[in-house]
Amino acid sequence: MTMLDVTTALTGLRHTSPQQVVQALTDAGAPLVHDIVLYLVDYEQEILQPFVDGSSTTVLVEEPIAATLAGRAFTTGAPVVADREDASRVWVPVFEHSVRTGVLAMTVDVPSPEVLVHCSSLGMLAGLLVASASRYTDLVHVRKRGRSMTLAASMQWDMLPPLTMRADRVVVAGMLEPAYEVAGDGFDHSINGDRVDVALFDGMGHGIGSTLLTTLAMGTYRHQRRENKDLATVHETVESAVAQQFGGDAFVTGVLGRLSTTSGRFEMTNAGHPAPLLLRNRRVVGDISCEPSMPFGLGGRCEQVTTCSLEPGDTVVLYTDGVVEGRGADGSEFGLGRLVDFLEREASSDRLAEEALRRLVRTVLDHQQGTLRDDATMVIVHWDGPPPDAIPHQLQVSTAPSAGQRGSSST
């Protein structure tokens, strides 16, 4: 039986158009699989949109995530098989590293365990090909859209990191709505050595102006994080950048966090933002208190870097005010109580962290009859505990020599 040979599958991709993702997968899957269809999840994570190559005229039907076999593969992160008369249809999740980006459907003669491993490997290959193609063609972005997107939302999505980051002992997942009109909310995360950094921002107002605010805050945050600055310095540099650019006439609220994956030490600063919640032993035990600083851009300073010790299995939940302040048809807010109840119910399930977050955002939308009056964004950080015999690794930053030093060096 011929199984997927990664080396062979990747050979020749340099000379293949980035638009020809499905053809590349078809070639890699032969002869075990055929009739391949690639679906990409839309920005709202409600619909699986069929991806067709640039030159294809094939018309394919979208698949709702709810109540379809393709959707089951997406939500569970596992293969789904349906037997037919003379063959079987298989759906496997498509992952870009740890991010669910869609589903790959294919037909096989016999869905043996070995063949399903082959199918799952194709799903992983599909994720890598889609990620690579998205840097060269707009087809990936266009096919993912279930409907038109505002300019502000398009700019905001271009700034976001992958929605999920799963590494040894830690998971970070984020989601924001309204996906096609979002403006002002944003988040970022990164793992470097034994350190995970996470941030959540909420820019004042709506539309392009709000997106520009948050883009500046996130860009400054990223730059300082990559310079390996301590959290207080990062906080005050974001404050300074927003204040200098907007002159105190606009602001961004936010939370900056930093987790040591070896010790569970969690540091945090707060710029006028709702305090994150702490989920422990499937219960929300309270929030992570931190003396709030002024929102970024209003001339304040970092009032406090709070530190707490997470326990193995703990989850930190960051959210914007649009999550809890959204009102239903009867005028009632979604509220902190509903948020806590949902988090505790999901903590008792075996769902993937990112799936629990997707379901929560859907619940917030349903409370407001599908129309949000403000952006609603959430980020969760789950820590499993320290790895055995963990050895801390620090992010190393190379500093360029000053002009004087360059001038005095010998050649």
Protein backbone atom coordinates (compact mmCIF):
# COMPACT_ATOMS: atom_id res chain seq x y z
CA MET A 1 0.00 0.00 0.00
CA THR A 2 1.39 3.40 -0.99
CA MET A 3 1.17 5.95 1.84
CA LEU A 4 1.83 9.67 1.75
CA ASP A 5 5.49 10.43 1.13
CA VAL A 6 6.01 13.98 2.37
CA THR A 7 9.25 14.43 0.48
CA THR A 8 7.64 13.36 -2.78
CA ALA A 9 4.55 15.44 -2.04
CA LEU A 10 6.62 18.59 -1.57
CA THR A 11 8.85 17.99 -4.58
CA GLY A 12 7.92 20.27 -7.44
CA LEU A 13 5.89 22.72 -5.35
CA ARG A 14 8.41 25.42 -6.21
CA HIS A 15 7.18 25.20 -9.78
CA THR A 16 3.48 24.84 -8.96
CA SER A 17 1.18 27.85 -8.93
CA PRO A 18 0.06 28.70 -5.37
CA GLN A 19 -3.48 28.70 -6.74
CA GLN A 20 -3.31 24.97 -7.51
CA VAL A 21 -3.75 23.72 -3.95
CA VAL A 22 -6.41 21.14 -4.74
CA GLN A 23 -4.44 19.72 -7.66
CA ALA A 24 -1.34 19.41 -5.46
CA LEU A 25 -3.38 17.52 -2.85
CA THR A 26 -4.90 15.28 -5.51
CA ASP A 27 -1.45 14.37 -6.79
CA ALA A 28 -0.17 13.72 -3.25
CA GLY A 29 -3.17 11.57 -2.31
CA ALA A 30 -3.17 9.30 -5.35
CA PRO A 31 -3.80 6.46 -5.71
CA LEU A 32 -5.42 5.89 -2.30
CA VAL A 33 -7.84 8.81 -2.37
CA HIS A 34 -9.79 10.65 -5.06
CA ASP A 35 -12.62 13.18 -5.49
CA ILE A 36 -10.92 15.63 -3.12
CA VAL A 37 -12.79 18.73 -2.00
CA LEU A 38 -11.11 21.36 0.18
CA TYR A 39 -13.27 23.51 2.47
CA LEU A 40 -12.07 26.62 4.30
CA VAL A 41 -13.88 27.86 7.40
CA ASP A 42 -15.37 31.31 6.98
CA TYR A 43 -14.43 34.22 9.25
CA GLU A 44 -17.48 33.70 11.45
CA GLN A 45 -16.66 30.00 11.78
CA GLU A 46 -20.19 29.00 10.82
CA ILE A 47 -19.76 27.84 7.22
CA LEU A 48 -17.19 25.66 5.44
CA GLN A 49 -16.60 27.34 2.09
CA PRO A 50 -15.39 25.19 -0.86
CA PHE A 51 -12.02 26.21 -2.26
CA VAL A 52 -11.54 25.77 -5.98
CA ASP A 53 -8.31 26.40 -7.85
CA GLY A 54 -7.91 29.62 -9.77
CA SER A 55 -8.56 28.09 -13.20
CA SER A 56 -11.41 25.80 -12.10
CA THR A 57 -15.02 26.40 -13.15
CA THR A 58 -16.37 23.73 -10.79
CA VAL A 59 -19.35 24.83 -8.68
CA LEU A 60 -19.39 23.34 -5.18
CA VAL A 61 -21.83 23.77 -2.31
CA GLU A 62 -20.87 25.22 1.06
CA GLU A 63 -21.27 23.08 4.18
CA PRO A 64 -22.70 24.50 7.43
CA ILE A 65 -20.62 23.53 10.46
CA ALA A 66 -23.78 22.67 12.36
CA ALA A 67 -25.40 19.32 11.51
CA THR A 68 -23.07 18.15 8.72
CA LEU A 69 -20.42 15.46 8.60
CA ALA A 70 -17.87 17.98 7.39
CA GLY A 71 -18.80 20.18 10.32
CA ARG A 72 -18.35 17.29 12.74
CA ALA A 73 -14.80 16.76 11.51
CA PHE A 74 -14.14 20.46 12.05
CA THR A 75 -15.60 20.70 15.57
CA THR A 76 -14.10 17.46 16.88
CA GLY A 77 -10.75 17.71 15.14
CA ALA A 78 -11.02 14.04 14.13
CA PRO A 79 -11.79 12.08 10.92
CA VAL A 80 -15.42 11.29 10.07
CA VAL A 81 -16.34 8.37 7.77
CA ALA A 82 -19.56 7.66 5.87
CA ASP A 83 -19.86 4.34 4.03
CA ARG A 84 -21.34 4.24 0.55
CA GLU A 85 -22.20 1.38 -1.80
CA ASP A 86 -18.78 0.85 -3.30
CA ALA A 87 -16.55 3.22 -1.34
CA SER A 88 -16.39 5.50 1.71
CA ARG A 89 -16.37 9.28 2.01
CA VAL A 90 -13.90 10.65 4.56
CA TRP A 91 -13.70 14.12 6.07
CA VAL A 92 -10.60 15.18 8.02
CA PRO A 93 -9.81 18.49 9.71
CA VAL A 94 -7.34 20.81 8.03
CA PHE A 95 -4.78 22.25 10.42
CA GLU A 96 -2.19 24.96 9.96
CA HIS A 97 0.01 23.82 12.82
CA SER A 98 -2.61 23.98 15.61
CA VAL A 99 -5.21 26.19 13.91
CA ARG A 100 -8.31 24.62 12.38
CA THR A 101 -8.61 26.23 8.97
CA GLY A 102 -11.06 23.90 7.27
CA VAL A 103 -11.91 20.35 6.24
CA LEU A 104 -10.63 18.05 3.50
CA ALA A 105 -13.15 15.61 1.99
CA MET A 106 -12.12 12.61 -0.11
CA THR A 107 -13.26 9.18 -1.24
CA VAL A 108 -11.41 5.95 -0.39
CA ASP A 109 -12.08 2.33 -1.27
CA VAL A 110 -11.62 0.96 2.25
CA PRO A 111 -11.28 3.27 5.29
CA SER A 112 -8.76 1.12 7.14
CA PRO A 113 -6.78 2.65 10.04
CA GLU A 114 -3.76 2.97 7.77
CA VAL A 115 -5.78 4.77 5.10
CA LEU A 116 -7.28 7.15 7.69
CA VAL A 117 -3.76 8.03 8.82
CA HIS A 118 -2.99 8.81 5.18
CA CYS A 119 -6.12 11.00 4.99
CA SER A 120 -5.22 12.87 8.18
CA SER A 121 -1.72 13.49 6.84
CA LEU A 122 -3.27 14.99 3.72
CA GLY A 123 -5.28 17.29 5.98
CA MET A 124 -2.07 18.50 7.62
CA LEU A 125 -0.46 18.96 4.21
CA ALA A 126 -3.52 20.92 3.07
CA GLY A 127 -3.11 23.31 6.02
CA LEU A 128 0.51 23.99 5.12
CA LEU A 129 -0.31 24.50 1.44
CA VAL A 130 -3.17 26.89 2.21
CA ALA A 131 -1.00 28.90 4.62
CA SER A 132 1.73 29.16 2.02
CA ALA A 133 -0.68 30.02 -0.80
CA SER A 134 -2.27 32.83 1.22
CA ARG A 135 0.98 34.79 0.96
CA TYR A 136 0.85 34.73 -2.84
CA THR A 137 -2.81 34.75 -3.87
CA ASP A 138 -5.97 36.45 -2.64
CA LEU A 139 -7.99 33.33 -3.51
CA VAL A 140 -7.63 31.97 0.03
CA HIS A 141 -8.97 35.16 1.59
CA VAL A 142 -11.76 35.53 -0.97
CA ARG A 143 -12.91 31.90 -0.69
CA LYS A 144 -13.10 32.18 3.11
CA ARG A 145 -15.51 35.09 3.00
CA GLY A 146 -19.13 34.19 3.40
CA ARG A 147 -20.09 37.75 2.53
CA SER A 148 -18.66 41.21 1.99
CA MET A 149 -16.22 42.56 4.60
CA THR A 150 -15.72 46.19 5.62
CA LEU A 151 -12.37 47.87 5.03
CA ALA A 152 -11.87 48.29 8.79
CA ALA A 153 -12.49 44.58 9.39
CA SER A 154 -10.15 43.58 6.56
CA MET A 155 -7.38 45.71 8.06
CA GLN A 156 -8.03 44.25 11.50
CA TRP A 157 -7.90 40.63 10.35
CA ASP A 158 -4.59 41.28 8.58
CA MET A 159 -3.10 42.26 11.95
CA LEU A 160 -4.27 39.20 13.86
CA PRO A 161 -2.10 36.18 14.70
CA PRO A 162 -3.41 32.63 14.14
CA LEU A 163 -6.62 32.12 16.11
CA THR A 164 -5.12 29.18 18.01
CA MET A 165 -1.62 28.44 19.26
CA ARG A 166 -1.06 25.02 20.79
CA ALA A 167 2.36 24.17 22.17
CA ASP A 168 3.84 21.96 24.85
CA ARG A 169 1.73 22.46 27.99
CA VAL A 170 -0.13 25.58 26.81
CA VAL A 171 -3.02 26.55 24.52
CA VAL A 172 -3.96 30.08 23.47
CA ALA A 173 -7.16 30.66 21.47
CA GLY A 174 -8.92 33.84 20.40
CA MET A 175 -12.00 34.87 18.47
CA LEU A 176 -13.73 38.13 17.61
CA GLU A 177 -17.08 39.24 16.27
CA PRO A 178 -18.70 40.70 14.23
CA ALA A 179 -16.19 39.06 11.93
CA TYR A 180 -17.16 41.03 8.82
CA GLU A 181 -17.61 44.43 10.50
CA VAL A 182 -15.17 44.28 13.44
CA ALA A 183 -13.25 47.50 14.08
CA GLY A 184 -11.26 48.29 17.18
CA ASP A 185 -10.93 44.94 18.95
CA GLY A 186 -7.75 42.96 18.45
CA PHE A 187 -5.47 40.47 20.14
CA ASP A 188 -1.99 39.06 19.79
CA HIS A 189 0.06 36.19 21.18
CA SER A 190 3.47 34.62 20.79
CA ILE A 191 5.55 31.85 22.33
CA ASN A 192 9.30 32.31 22.76
CA GLY A 193 11.20 29.71 24.74
CA ASP A 194 9.32 29.14 27.99
CA ARG A 195 7.43 32.44 27.72
CA VAL A 196 3.98 33.03 26.27
CA ASP A 197 2.89 36.62 25.68
CA VAL A 198 -0.72 37.58 25.12
CA ALA A 199 -2.51 40.90 24.68
CA LEU A 200 -6.06 42.11 24.12
CA PHE A 201 -6.95 45.61 22.87
CA ASP A 202 -10.16 47.58 22.42
CA GLY A 203 -9.86 50.84 20.48
CA MET A 204 -12.24 53.72 21.14
CA GLY A 205 -15.10 54.24 18.71
CA HIS A 206 -15.96 52.37 15.54
CA GLY A 207 -14.84 52.13 11.94
CA ILE A 208 -11.49 53.01 10.39
CA GLY A 209 -10.47 55.34 13.22
CA SER A 210 -10.89 52.61 15.79
CA THR A 211 -8.95 50.14 13.65
CA LEU A 212 -6.08 52.60 13.24
CA LEU A 213 -5.93 53.04 17.02
CA THR A 214 -5.75 49.33 17.71
CA THR A 215 -3.33 48.72 14.84
CA LEU A 216 -0.90 51.25 16.34
CA ALA A 217 -1.25 49.73 19.82
CA MET A 218 -0.74 46.17 18.54
CA GLY A 219 2.18 47.16 16.32
CA THR A 220 3.92 48.91 19.19
CA TYR A 221 3.23 45.98 21.51
CA ARG A 222 4.70 43.52 19.02
CA HIS A 223 7.78 45.64 18.46
CA GLN A 224 8.51 45.97 22.18
CA ARG A 225 7.83 42.28 22.81
CA ARG A 226 10.32 41.35 20.11
CA GLU A 227 12.84 43.69 21.73
CA ASN A 228 12.48 41.52 24.85
CA LYS A 229 11.28 44.38 27.04
CA ASP A 230 9.74 43.82 30.45
CA LEU A 231 5.98 44.13 30.71
CA ALA A 232 5.97 47.57 32.38
CA THR A 233 8.18 48.96 29.61
CA VAL A 234 5.98 47.44 26.93
CA HIS A 235 2.91 48.95 28.59
CA GLU A 236 4.37 52.45 28.85
CA THR A 237 5.72 52.38 25.29
CA VAL A 238 2.26 51.50 23.93
CA GLU A 239 0.86 54.36 26.03
CA SER A 240 3.44 56.78 24.66
CA ALA A 241 2.92 55.75 21.02
CA VAL A 242 -0.87 56.21 21.14
CA ALA A 243 -0.62 59.49 23.09
CA GLN A 244 1.93 60.98 20.70
CA GLN A 245 0.01 60.02 17.59
CA PHE A 246 -3.47 61.03 18.75
CA GLY A 247 -2.65 63.80 21.22
CA GLY A 248 -4.89 62.54 24.01
CA ASP A 249 -8.03 62.69 21.84
CA ALA A 250 -8.37 58.91 21.52
CA PHE A 251 -7.57 55.89 23.63
CA VAL A 252 -7.28 52.10 23.66
CA THR A 253 -8.08 49.86 26.61
CA GLY A 254 -6.20 46.62 26.97
CA VAL A 255 -4.61 43.86 28.98
CA LEU A 256 -1.03 42.65 28.55
CA GLY A 257 -0.09 39.25 29.95
CA ARG A 258 3.01 37.09 30.17
CA LEU A 259 3.10 33.43 31.25
CA SER A 260 6.06 31.28 32.20
CA THR A 261 5.25 27.79 30.94
CA THR A 262 7.78 26.25 33.33
CA SER A 263 6.58 27.87 36.57
CA GLY A 264 3.02 29.05 35.86
CA ARG A 265 3.94 32.61 36.86
CA PHE A 266 1.50 34.98 35.15
CA GLU A 267 2.26 38.70 34.93
CA MET A 268 -0.29 41.24 33.80
CA THR A 269 -0.92 44.95 33.32
CA ASN A 270 -4.34 46.52 32.80
CA ALA A 271 -5.11 49.72 30.89
CA GLY A 272 -8.70 50.50 31.84
CA HIS A 273 -9.98 47.11 30.72
CA PRO A 274 -12.27 44.44 32.27
CA ALA A 275 -10.23 42.16 34.55
CA PRO A 276 -9.53 38.66 33.17
CA LEU A 277 -11.28 35.71 34.79
CA LEU A 278 -9.52 32.71 36.30
CA LEU A 279 -10.99 29.27 35.64
CA ARG A 280 -9.73 26.60 38.06
CA ASN A 281 -11.01 23.07 38.61
CA ARG A 282 -13.88 23.79 36.19
CA ARG A 283 -15.04 26.76 38.26
CA VAL A 284 -14.51 30.50 37.79
CA VAL A 285 -12.83 31.37 41.08
CA GLY A 286 -12.71 35.12 40.45
CA ASP A 287 -10.87 37.67 38.38
CA ILE A 288 -7.18 38.51 38.29
CA SER A 289 -7.08 41.84 40.05
CA CYS A 290 -4.62 44.50 38.95
CA GLU A 291 -4.67 48.19 39.74
CA PRO A 292 -5.85 49.61 36.44
CA SER A 293 -3.79 52.19 34.64
CA MET A 294 -5.36 54.84 32.42
CA PRO A 295 -6.32 53.59 28.97
CA PHE A 296 -3.47 53.74 26.48
CA GLY A 297 -3.16 57.22 24.98
CA LEU A 298 -4.38 59.36 27.90
CA GLY A 299 -0.98 60.18 29.39
CA GLY A 300 -0.96 57.71 32.27
CA ARG A 301 1.75 55.40 33.52
CA CYS A 302 1.84 51.68 34.29
CA GLU A 303 0.35 51.60 37.79
CA GLN A 304 1.03 47.95 38.55
CA VAL A 305 2.42 44.73 37.14
CA THR A 306 0.44 42.12 39.02
CA THR A 307 1.72 38.58 39.41
CA CYS A 308 -0.16 35.40 40.22
CA SER A 309 0.77 31.72 40.24
CA LEU A 310 -1.33 29.51 38.01
CA GLU A 311 -1.99 25.92 38.95
CA PRO A 312 -1.86 23.08 36.39
CA GLY A 313 -5.11 23.05 34.44
CA ASP A 314 -5.88 26.75 35.01
CA THR A 315 -7.36 28.91 32.27
CA VAL A 316 -7.15 32.71 32.06
CA VAL A 317 -10.04 34.30 30.16
CA LEU A 318 -9.59 37.76 28.62
CA TYR A 319 -12.60 39.53 27.11
CA THR A 320 -13.78 42.92 25.88
CA ASP A 321 -16.82 44.74 27.25
CA GLY A 322 -18.81 43.89 24.12
CA VAL A 323 -19.08 40.30 25.39
CA VAL A 324 -20.92 41.12 28.62
CA GLU A 325 -22.67 44.40 27.71
CA GLY A 326 -24.57 43.16 24.67
CA ARG A 327 -28.34 43.35 25.18
CA GLY A 328 -31.04 40.93 24.14
CA ALA A 329 -34.49 41.70 22.74
CA ASP A 330 -35.83 42.30 26.26
CA GLY A 331 -33.05 44.76 27.03
CA SER A 332 -31.15 42.43 29.35
CA GLU A 333 -27.36 42.34 29.18
CA PHE A 334 -25.57 39.10 28.43
CA GLY A 335 -23.77 39.85 31.66
CA LEU A 336 -20.90 38.42 33.63
CA GLY A 337 -23.17 35.76 35.16
CA ARG A 338 -24.02 34.20 31.79
CA LEU A 339 -20.36 34.31 30.79
CA VAL A 340 -19.30 32.51 33.98
CA ASP A 341 -22.06 29.91 33.62
CA PHE A 342 -21.03 29.13 30.05
CA LEU A 343 -17.34 28.88 30.90
CA GLU A 344 -18.06 26.43 33.70
CA ARG A 345 -20.33 24.27 31.53
CA GLU A 346 -17.76 24.09 28.75
CA ALA A 347 -15.00 23.31 31.22
CA SER A 348 -16.88 20.11 32.08
CA SER A 349 -16.90 18.97 28.45
CA ASP A 350 -14.14 17.36 26.42
CA ARG A 351 -14.29 19.90 23.61
CA LEU A 352 -11.23 21.54 22.16
CA ALA A 353 -10.51 24.92 23.75
CA GLU A 354 -11.02 26.70 20.43
CA GLU A 355 -14.33 24.90 19.88
CA ALA A 356 -15.58 25.97 23.31
CA LEU A 357 -14.63 29.54 22.43
CA ARG A 358 -16.43 29.32 19.07
CA ARG A 359 -19.56 28.09 20.84
CA LEU A 360 -19.36 30.91 23.38
CA VAL A 361 -19.17 33.57 20.69
CA ARG A 362 -22.17 31.98 18.97
CA THR A 363 -24.06 32.16 22.29
CA VAL A 364 -23.21 35.86 22.65
CA LEU A 365 -24.46 36.45 19.10
CA ASP A 366 -27.68 34.52 19.71
CA HIS A 367 -28.40 36.64 22.79
CA GLN A 368 -28.35 39.73 20.55
CA GLN A 369 -30.33 38.11 17.71
CA GLY A 370 -27.18 37.80 15.61
CA THR A 371 -26.42 41.54 15.51
CA LEU A 372 -23.76 42.93 17.83
CA ARG A 373 -23.83 46.58 18.87
CA ASP A 374 -20.17 46.46 19.85
CA ASP A 375 -17.19 44.25 19.04
CA ALA A 376 -16.99 41.14 21.21
CA THR A 377 -13.58 39.52 21.53
CA MET A 378 -12.22 36.78 23.77
CA VAL A 379 -8.84 35.15 24.33
CA ILE A 380 -8.19 32.15 26.57
CA VAL A 381 -4.84 30.95 27.89
CA HIS A 382 -4.82 27.39 29.23
CA TRP A 383 -1.80 26.02 31.11
CA ASP A 384 -1.37 22.28 31.69
CA GLY A 385 1.50 22.66 34.13
CA PRO A 386 5.29 22.47 33.85
CA PRO A 387 6.87 19.80 31.65
CA PRO A 388 9.04 17.21 33.40
CA ASP A 389 12.58 18.43 34.03
CA ALA A 390 11.80 21.77 32.38
CA ILE A 391 14.81 23.90 31.52
CA PRO A 392 13.95 27.59 31.08
CA HIS A 393 14.92 29.21 27.79
CA GLN A 394 15.12 32.96 27.42
CA LEU A 395 14.43 34.92 24.25
CA GLN A 396 17.75 36.20 22.94
CA VAL A 397 17.80 39.54 21.12
CA SER A 398 20.83 40.65 19.15
CA THR A 399 21.50 44.37 19.54
CA ALA A 400 23.13 46.16 16.63
CA PRO A 401 26.27 48.12 17.53
CA SER A 402 25.97 51.88 17.79
CA ALA A 403 27.32 54.15 15.08
CA GLY A 404 30.37 54.90 17.21
CA GLN A 405 31.05 51.23 17.75
CA ARG A 406 30.74 50.49 14.05
CA GLY A 407 33.14 53.30 13.25
CA SER A 408 35.80 52.04 15.65
CA SER A 409 35.74 48.42 14.55
CA SER A 410 38.65 47.15 12.52
CA THR A 411 38.29 45.57 9.09
